Amino acid sequence: MNVFDYIDANPDICHGKPCFKGTRIMVTSVLALLEAGESSKEILEAYPGLTMKHIQAALHLAEQLLDGDQYLRFPSRP
């Protein structure tokens, strides 16, 4: 899947955060809904402009970012 068919980051839209093309729906919004336990069906009902391919692109982008050569340093817990 080419995530760039579905996701774009434009500095003039949503402060440059990745959004689904042709919308102002941020990818993080959909990922947060998935994390909260919302089903894909519920998300698609809430955002009728999206398709299952958009949700898959969001998950694919997250996987690509975490599987990259650079890693995040997680803060130590007190």
PDB file of N, CA and C in Angstrom:
ATOM      1  N   MET A   1       0.838  -1.178   0.000  1.00  0.00           N
ATOM      2  CA  MET A   1       0.000   0.000   0.000  1.00  0.00           C
ATOM      3  C   MET A   1       0.884   1.244   0.000  1.00  0.00           C
ATOM      4  N   ASN A   2       0.505   2.197  -0.807  1.00  0.00           N
ATOM      5  CA  ASN A   2       1.200   3.476  -0.824  1.00  0.00           C
ATOM      6  C   ASN A   2       0.395   4.453   0.035  1.00  0.00           C
ATOM      7  N   VAL A   3       0.872   4.714   1.240  1.00  0.00           N
ATOM      8  CA  VAL A   3       0.135   5.586   2.163  1.00  0.00           C
ATOM      9  C   VAL A   3      -0.045   6.987   1.599  1.00  0.00           C
ATOM     10  N   PHE A   4       0.832   7.403   0.703  1.00  0.00           N
ATOM     11  CA  PHE A   4       0.750   8.744   0.144  1.00  0.00           C
ATOM     12  C   PHE A   4      -0.417   8.900  -0.835  1.00  0.00           C
ATOM     13  N   ASP A   5      -1.074   7.800  -1.178  1.00  0.00           N
ATOM     14  CA  ASP A   5      -2.313   7.887  -1.947  1.00  0.00           C
ATOM     15  C   ASP A   5      -3.459   8.362  -1.054  1.00  0.00           C
ATOM     16  N   TYR A   6      -3.315   8.204   0.250  1.00  0.00           N
ATOM     17  CA  TYR A   6      -4.385   8.497   1.198  1.00  0.00           C
ATOM     18  C   TYR A   6      -4.036   9.580   2.223  1.00  0.00           C
ATOM     19  N   ILE A   7      -2.762   9.785   2.476  1.00  0.00           N
ATOM     20  CA  ILE A   7      -2.326  10.685   3.547  1.00  0.00           C
ATOM     21  C   ILE A   7      -1.379  11.741   2.990  1.00  0.00           C
ATOM     22  N   ASP A   8      -1.555  12.969   3.488  1.00  0.00           N
ATOM     23  CA  ASP A   8      -0.693  14.064   3.065  1.00  0.00           C
ATOM     24  C   ASP A   8      -0.390  14.928   4.293  1.00  0.00           C
ATOM     25  N   ALA A   9       0.717  15.626   4.267  1.00  0.00           N
ATOM     26  CA  ALA A   9       1.057  16.586   5.320  1.00  0.00           C
ATOM     27  C   ALA A   9       1.368  17.909   4.635  1.00  0.00           C
ATOM     28  N   ASN A  10       0.504  18.872   4.848  1.00  0.00           N
ATOM     29  CA  ASN A  10       0.629  20.176   4.219  1.00  0.00           C
ATOM     30  C   ASN A  10       0.733  21.221   5.326  1.00  0.00           C
ATOM     31  N   PRO A  11       1.781  22.046   5.323  1.00  0.00           N
ATOM     32  CA  PRO A  11       1.944  23.027   6.397  1.00  0.00           C
ATOM     33  C   PRO A  11       0.762  23.994   6.534  1.00  0.00           C
ATOM     34  N   ASP A  12      -0.041  24.137   5.494  1.00  0.00           N
ATOM     35  CA  ASP A  12      -1.189  25.043   5.537  1.00  0.00           C
ATOM     36  C   ASP A  12      -2.471  24.376   6.058  1.00  0.00           C
ATOM     37  N   ILE A  13      -2.413  23.080   6.321  1.00  0.00           N
ATOM     38  CA  ILE A  13      -3.594  22.349   6.794  1.00  0.00           C
ATOM     39  C   ILE A  13      -3.246  21.655   8.105  1.00  0.00           C
ATOM     40  N   CYS A  14      -4.010  21.933   9.140  1.00  0.00           N
ATOM     41  CA  CYS A  14      -3.840  21.298  10.466  1.00  0.00           C
ATOM     42  C   CYS A  14      -2.401  21.375  10.962  1.00  0.00           C
ATOM     43  N   HIS A  15      -1.777  22.532  10.759  1.00  0.00           N
ATOM     44  CA  HIS A  15      -0.409  22.794  11.244  1.00  0.00           C
ATOM     45  C   HIS A  15       0.611  21.795  10.703  1.00  0.00           C
ATOM     46  N   GLY A  16       0.332  21.229   9.518  1.00  0.00           N
ATOM     47  CA  GLY A  16       1.275  20.309   8.891  1.00  0.00           C
ATOM     48  C   GLY A  16       1.198  18.879   9.393  1.00  0.00           C
ATOM     49  N   LYS A  17       0.256  18.595  10.283  1.00  0.00           N
ATOM     50  CA  LYS A  17       0.124  17.222  10.774  1.00  0.00           C
ATOM     51  C   LYS A  17      -0.488  16.356   9.678  1.00  0.00           C
ATOM     52  N   PRO A  18      -0.100  15.084   9.608  1.00  0.00           N
ATOM     53  CA  PRO A  18      -0.647  14.208   8.567  1.00  0.00           C
ATOM     54  C   PRO A  18      -2.169  14.114   8.648  1.00  0.00           C
ATOM     55  N   CYS A  19      -2.803  14.367   7.502  1.00  0.00           N
ATOM     56  CA  CYS A  19      -4.253  14.293   7.356  1.00  0.00           C
ATOM     57  C   CYS A  19      -4.585  13.406   6.162  1.00  0.00           C
ATOM     58  N   PHE A  20      -5.801  12.936   6.146  1.00  0.00           N
ATOM     59  CA  PHE A  20      -6.256  12.179   4.988  1.00  0.00           C
ATOM     60  C   PHE A  20      -6.518  13.153   3.857  1.00  0.00           C
ATOM     61  N   LYS A  21      -6.033  12.813   2.670  1.00  0.00           N
ATOM     62  CA  LYS A  21      -6.120  13.703   1.514  1.00  0.00           C
ATOM     63  C   LYS A  21      -7.546  14.185   1.294  1.00  0.00           C
ATOM     64  N   GLY A  22      -7.660  15.485   1.013  1.00  0.00           N
ATOM     65  CA  GLY A  22      -8.947  16.088   0.719  1.00  0.00           C
ATOM     66  C   GLY A  22      -9.805  16.335   1.946  1.00  0.00           C
ATOM     67  N   THR A  23      -9.236  16.128   3.146  1.00  0.00           N
ATOM     68  CA  THR A  23      -9.983  16.339   4.383  1.00  0.00           C
ATOM     69  C   THR A  23      -9.116  17.122   5.368  1.00  0.00           C
ATOM     70  N   ARG A  24      -9.690  17.435   6.482  1.00  0.00           N
ATOM     71  CA  ARG A  24      -8.942  17.982   7.611  1.00  0.00           C
ATOM     72  C   ARG A  24      -8.986  16.983   8.767  1.00  0.00           C
ATOM     73  N   ILE A  25      -9.166  15.736   8.436  1.00  0.00           N
ATOM     74  CA  ILE A  25      -9.198  14.668   9.438  1.00  0.00           C
ATOM     75  C   ILE A  25      -7.766  14.197   9.643  1.00  0.00           C
ATOM     76  N   MET A  26      -7.266  14.408  10.861  1.00  0.00           N
ATOM     77  CA  MET A  26      -5.887  14.023  11.150  1.00  0.00           C
ATOM     78  C   MET A  26      -5.775  12.513  11.370  1.00  0.00           C
ATOM     79  N   VAL A  27      -4.687  11.967  10.903  1.00  0.00           N
ATOM     80  CA  VAL A  27      -4.415  10.540  11.062  1.00  0.00           C
ATOM     81  C   VAL A  27      -4.417  10.173  12.545  1.00  0.00           C
ATOM     82  N   THR A  28      -3.875  11.053  13.378  1.00  0.00           N
ATOM     83  CA  THR A  28      -3.836  10.760  14.814  1.00  0.00           C
ATOM     84  C   THR A  28      -5.232  10.630  15.405  1.00  0.00           C
ATOM     85  N   SER A  29      -6.205  11.325  14.849  1.00  0.00           N
ATOM     86  CA  SER A  29      -7.583  11.215  15.347  1.00  0.00           C
ATOM     87  C   SER A  29      -8.107   9.801  15.162  1.00  0.00           C
ATOM     88  N   VAL A  30      -7.851   9.235  14.001  1.00  0.00           N
ATOM     89  CA  VAL A  30      -8.311   7.870  13.722  1.00  0.00           C
ATOM     90  C   VAL A  30      -7.538   6.866  14.568  1.00  0.00           C
ATOM     91  N   LEU A  31      -6.236   7.059  14.705  1.00  0.00           N
ATOM     92  CA  LEU A  31      -5.449   6.146  15.535  1.00  0.00           C
ATOM     93  C   LEU A  31      -5.908   6.206  16.995  1.00  0.00           C
ATOM     94  N   ALA A  32      -6.239   7.394  17.485  1.00  0.00           N
ATOM     95  CA  ALA A  32      -6.724   7.533  18.862  1.00  0.00           C
ATOM     96  C   ALA A  32      -8.061   6.820  19.042  1.00  0.00           C
ATOM     97  N   LEU A  33      -8.924   6.899  18.050  1.00  0.00           N
ATOM     98  CA  LEU A  33     -10.208   6.198  18.134  1.00  0.00           C
ATOM     99  C   LEU A  33     -10.002   4.685  18.160  1.00  0.00           C
ATOM    100  N   LEU A  34      -9.084   4.206  17.345  1.00  0.00           N
ATOM    101  CA  LEU A  34      -8.780   2.768  17.357  1.00  0.00           C
ATOM    102  C   LEU A  34      -8.229   2.350  18.722  1.00  0.00           C
ATOM    103  N   GLU A  35      -7.341   3.163  19.269  1.00  0.00           N
ATOM    104  CA  GLU A  35      -6.767   2.872  20.583  1.00  0.00           C
ATOM    105  C   GLU A  35      -7.858   2.835  21.656  1.00  0.00           C
ATOM    106  N   ALA A  36      -8.860   3.694  21.514  1.00  0.00           N
ATOM    107  CA  ALA A  36      -9.950   3.774  22.490  1.00  0.00           C
ATOM    108  C   ALA A  36     -10.943   2.622  22.346  1.00  0.00           C
ATOM    109  N   GLY A  37     -10.733   1.790  21.336  1.00  0.00           N
ATOM    110  CA  GLY A  37     -11.599   0.624  21.177  1.00  0.00           C
ATOM    111  C   GLY A  37     -12.709   0.776  20.159  1.00  0.00           C
ATOM    112  N   GLU A  38     -12.731   1.913  19.459  1.00  0.00           N
ATOM    113  CA  GLU A  38     -13.741   2.091  18.415  1.00  0.00           C
ATOM    114  C   GLU A  38     -13.468   1.113  17.278  1.00  0.00           C
ATOM    115  N   SER A  39     -14.512   0.593  16.703  1.00  0.00           N
ATOM    116  CA  SER A  39     -14.352  -0.321  15.570  1.00  0.00           C
ATOM    117  C   SER A  39     -14.167   0.487  14.284  1.00  0.00           C
ATOM    118  N   SER A  40     -13.643  -0.159  13.282  1.00  0.00           N
ATOM    119  CA  SER A  40     -13.494   0.499  11.979  1.00  0.00           C
ATOM    120  C   SER A  40     -14.857   0.963  11.476  1.00  0.00           C
ATOM    121  N   LYS A  41     -15.870   0.135  11.694  1.00  0.00           N
ATOM    122  CA  LYS A  41     -17.227   0.488  11.254  1.00  0.00           C
ATOM    123  C   LYS A  41     -17.699   1.769  11.929  1.00  0.00           C
ATOM    124  N   GLU A  42     -17.450   1.905  13.239  1.00  0.00           N
ATOM    125  CA  GLU A  42     -17.861   3.110  13.961  1.00  0.00           C
ATOM    126  C   GLU A  42     -17.112   4.340  13.455  1.00  0.00           C
ATOM    127  N   ILE A  43     -15.837   4.172  13.152  1.00  0.00           N
ATOM    128  CA  ILE A  43     -15.038   5.294  12.645  1.00  0.00           C
ATOM    129  C   ILE A  43     -15.541   5.726  11.279  1.00  0.00           C
ATOM    130  N   LEU A  44     -15.842   4.768  10.423  1.00  0.00           N
ATOM    131  CA  LEU A  44     -16.329   5.092   9.082  1.00  0.00           C
ATOM    132  C   LEU A  44     -17.707   5.749   9.135  1.00  0.00           C
ATOM    133  N   GLU A  45     -18.506   5.384  10.125  1.00  0.00           N
ATOM    134  CA  GLU A  45     -19.812   6.038  10.296  1.00  0.00           C
ATOM    135  C   GLU A  45     -19.630   7.474  10.781  1.00  0.00           C
ATOM    136  N   ALA A  46     -18.640   7.698  11.646  1.00  0.00           N
ATOM    137  CA  ALA A  46     -18.377   9.041  12.166  1.00  0.00           C
ATOM    138  C   ALA A  46     -17.740   9.947  11.110  1.00  0.00           C
ATOM    139  N   TYR A  47     -16.960   9.354  10.216  1.00  0.00           N
ATOM    140  CA  TYR A  47     -16.270  10.098   9.153  1.00  0.00           C
ATOM    141  C   TYR A  47     -16.635   9.489   7.803  1.00  0.00           C
ATOM    142  N   PRO A  48     -17.809   9.827   7.268  1.00  0.00           N
ATOM    143  CA  PRO A  48     -18.276   9.192   6.031  1.00  0.00           C
ATOM    144  C   PRO A  48     -17.375   9.420   4.814  1.00  0.00           C
ATOM    145  N   GLY A  49     -16.473  10.398   4.872  1.00  0.00           N
ATOM    146  CA  GLY A  49     -15.559  10.640   3.758  1.00  0.00           C
ATOM    147  C   GLY A  49     -14.404   9.655   3.698  1.00  0.00           C
ATOM    148  N   LEU A  50     -14.249   8.857   4.747  1.00  0.00           N
ATOM    149  CA  LEU A  50     -13.158   7.883   4.800  1.00  0.00           C
ATOM    150  C   LEU A  50     -13.638   6.504   4.376  1.00  0.00           C
ATOM    151  N   THR A  51     -12.670   5.694   3.962  1.00  0.00           N
ATOM    152  CA  THR A  51     -12.944   4.298   3.614  1.00  0.00           C
ATOM    153  C   THR A  51     -12.021   3.411   4.450  1.00  0.00           C
ATOM    154  N   MET A  52     -12.218   2.129   4.347  1.00  0.00           N
ATOM    155  CA  MET A  52     -11.352   1.193   5.062  1.00  0.00           C
ATOM    156  C   MET A  52      -9.898   1.363   4.628  1.00  0.00           C
ATOM    157  N   LYS A  53      -9.682   1.743   3.393  1.00  0.00           N
ATOM    158  CA  LYS A  53      -8.316   1.964   2.896  1.00  0.00           C
ATOM    159  C   LYS A  53      -7.634   3.105   3.656  1.00  0.00           C
ATOM    160  N   HIS A  54      -8.389   4.123   4.049  1.00  0.00           N
ATOM    161  CA  HIS A  54      -7.823   5.225   4.835  1.00  0.00           C
ATOM    162  C   HIS A  54      -7.354   4.720   6.197  1.00  0.00           C
ATOM    163  N   ILE A  55      -8.174   3.901   6.845  1.00  0.00           N
ATOM    164  CA  ILE A  55      -7.802   3.359   8.154  1.00  0.00           C
ATOM    165  C   ILE A  55      -6.570   2.467   8.012  1.00  0.00           C
ATOM    166  N   GLN A  56      -6.540   1.649   6.980  1.00  0.00           N
ATOM    167  CA  GLN A  56      -5.378   0.790   6.744  1.00  0.00           C
ATOM    168  C   GLN A  56      -4.130   1.629   6.481  1.00  0.00           C
ATOM    169  N   ALA A  57      -4.275   2.727   5.758  1.00  0.00           N
ATOM    170  CA  ALA A  57      -3.130   3.608   5.480  1.00  0.00           C
ATOM    171  C   ALA A  57      -2.605   4.217   6.775  1.00  0.00           C
ATOM    172  N   ALA A  58      -3.502   4.601   7.690  1.00  0.00           N
ATOM    173  CA  ALA A  58      -3.076   5.166   8.973  1.00  0.00           C
ATOM    174  C   ALA A  58      -2.278   4.136   9.773  1.00  0.00           C
ATOM    175  N   LEU A  59      -2.761   2.918   9.819  1.00  0.00           N
ATOM    176  CA  LEU A  59      -2.052   1.859  10.541  1.00  0.00           C
ATOM    177  C   LEU A  59      -0.728   1.533   9.871  1.00  0.00           C
ATOM    178  N   HIS A  60      -0.722   1.529   8.558  1.00  0.00           N
ATOM    179  CA  HIS A  60       0.506   1.237   7.819  1.00  0.00           C
ATOM    180  C   HIS A  60       1.549   2.327   8.065  1.00  0.00           C
ATOM    181  N   LEU A  61       1.119   3.589   8.083  1.00  0.00           N
ATOM    182  CA  LEU A  61       2.046   4.685   8.351  1.00  0.00           C
ATOM    183  C   LEU A  61       2.639   4.553   9.748  1.00  0.00           C
ATOM    184  N   ALA A  62       1.802   4.258  10.738  1.00  0.00           N
ATOM    185  CA  ALA A  62       2.291   4.084  12.110  1.00  0.00           C
ATOM    186  C   ALA A  62       3.309   2.943  12.165  1.00  0.00           C
ATOM    187  N   GLU A  63       3.026   1.857  11.496  1.00  0.00           N
ATOM    188  CA  GLU A  63       3.955   0.714  11.482  1.00  0.00           C
ATOM    189  C   GLU A  63       5.269   1.090  10.811  1.00  0.00           C
ATOM    190  N   GLN A  64       5.201   1.805   9.704  1.00  0.00           N
ATOM    191  CA  GLN A  64       6.415   2.217   8.996  1.00  0.00           C
ATOM    192  C   GLN A  64       7.270   3.135   9.864  1.00  0.00           C
ATOM    193  N   LEU A  65       6.639   4.064  10.570  1.00  0.00           N
ATOM    194  CA  LEU A  65       7.387   4.995  11.412  1.00  0.00           C
ATOM    195  C   LEU A  65       8.062   4.276  12.577  1.00  0.00           C
ATOM    196  N   LEU A  66       7.397   3.290  13.149  1.00  0.00           N
ATOM    197  CA  LEU A  66       7.975   2.559  14.277  1.00  0.00           C
ATOM    198  C   LEU A  66       9.000   1.527  13.843  1.00  0.00           C
ATOM    199  N   ASP A  67       8.945   1.136  12.587  1.00  0.00           N
ATOM    200  CA  ASP A  67       9.871   0.124  12.087  1.00  0.00           C
ATOM    201  C   ASP A  67      11.072   0.758  11.379  1.00  0.00           C
ATOM    202  N   GLY A  68      11.245   2.063  11.527  1.00  0.00           N
ATOM    203  CA  GLY A  68      12.324   2.767  10.847  1.00  0.00           C
ATOM    204  C   GLY A  68      13.678   2.528  11.496  1.00  0.00           C
ATOM    205  N   ASP A  69      14.670   3.167  10.960  1.00  0.00           N
ATOM    206  CA  ASP A  69      16.031   3.027  11.460  1.00  0.00           C
ATOM    207  C   ASP A  69      16.282   3.846  12.717  1.00  0.00           C
ATOM    208  N   GLN A  70      15.456   4.844  12.962  1.00  0.00           N
ATOM    209  CA  GLN A  70      15.637   5.675  14.149  1.00  0.00           C
ATOM    210  C   GLN A  70      14.579   5.282  15.172  1.00  0.00           C
ATOM    211  N   TYR A  71      14.985   5.266  16.417  1.00  0.00           N
ATOM    212  CA  TYR A  71      14.081   4.829  17.464  1.00  0.00           C
ATOM    213  C   TYR A  71      13.879   5.929  18.487  1.00  0.00           C
ATOM    214  N   LEU A  72      12.713   5.927  19.073  1.00  0.00           N
ATOM    215  CA  LEU A  72      12.401   6.897  20.129  1.00  0.00           C
ATOM    216  C   LEU A  72      13.003   6.420  21.441  1.00  0.00           C
ATOM    217  N   ARG A  73      13.460   7.351  22.221  1.00  0.00           N
ATOM    218  CA  ARG A  73      13.909   7.008  23.579  1.00  0.00           C
ATOM    219  C   ARG A  73      12.746   7.285  24.507  1.00  0.00           C
ATOM    220  N   PHE A  74      12.317   6.259  25.183  1.00  0.00           N
ATOM    221  CA  PHE A  74      11.204   6.405  26.107  1.00  0.00           C
ATOM    222  C   PHE A  74      11.745   6.892  27.451  1.00  0.00           C
ATOM    223  N   PRO A  75      11.035   7.833  28.062  1.00  0.00           N
ATOM    224  CA  PRO A  75      11.520   8.352  29.353  1.00  0.00           C
ATOM    225  C   PRO A  75      11.508   7.269  30.422  1.00  0.00           C
ATOM    226  N   SER A  76      12.491   7.321  31.329  1.00  0.00           N
ATOM    227  CA  SER A  76      12.502   6.344  32.430  1.00  0.00           C
ATOM    228  C   SER A  76      11.431   6.713  33.431  1.00  0.00           C
ATOM    229  N   ARG A  77      10.908   5.714  34.027  1.00  0.00           N
ATOM    230  CA  ARG A  77       9.856   5.938  35.026  1.00  0.00           C
ATOM    231  C   ARG A  77      10.509   6.151  36.382  1.00  0.00           C
ATOM    232  N   PRO A  78       9.923   7.071  37.161  1.00  0.00           N
ATOM    233  CA  PRO A  78      10.518   7.343  38.493  1.00  0.00           C
ATOM    234  C   PRO A  78      10.359   6.170  39.440  1.00  0.00           C
TER     235      PRO A  78
END
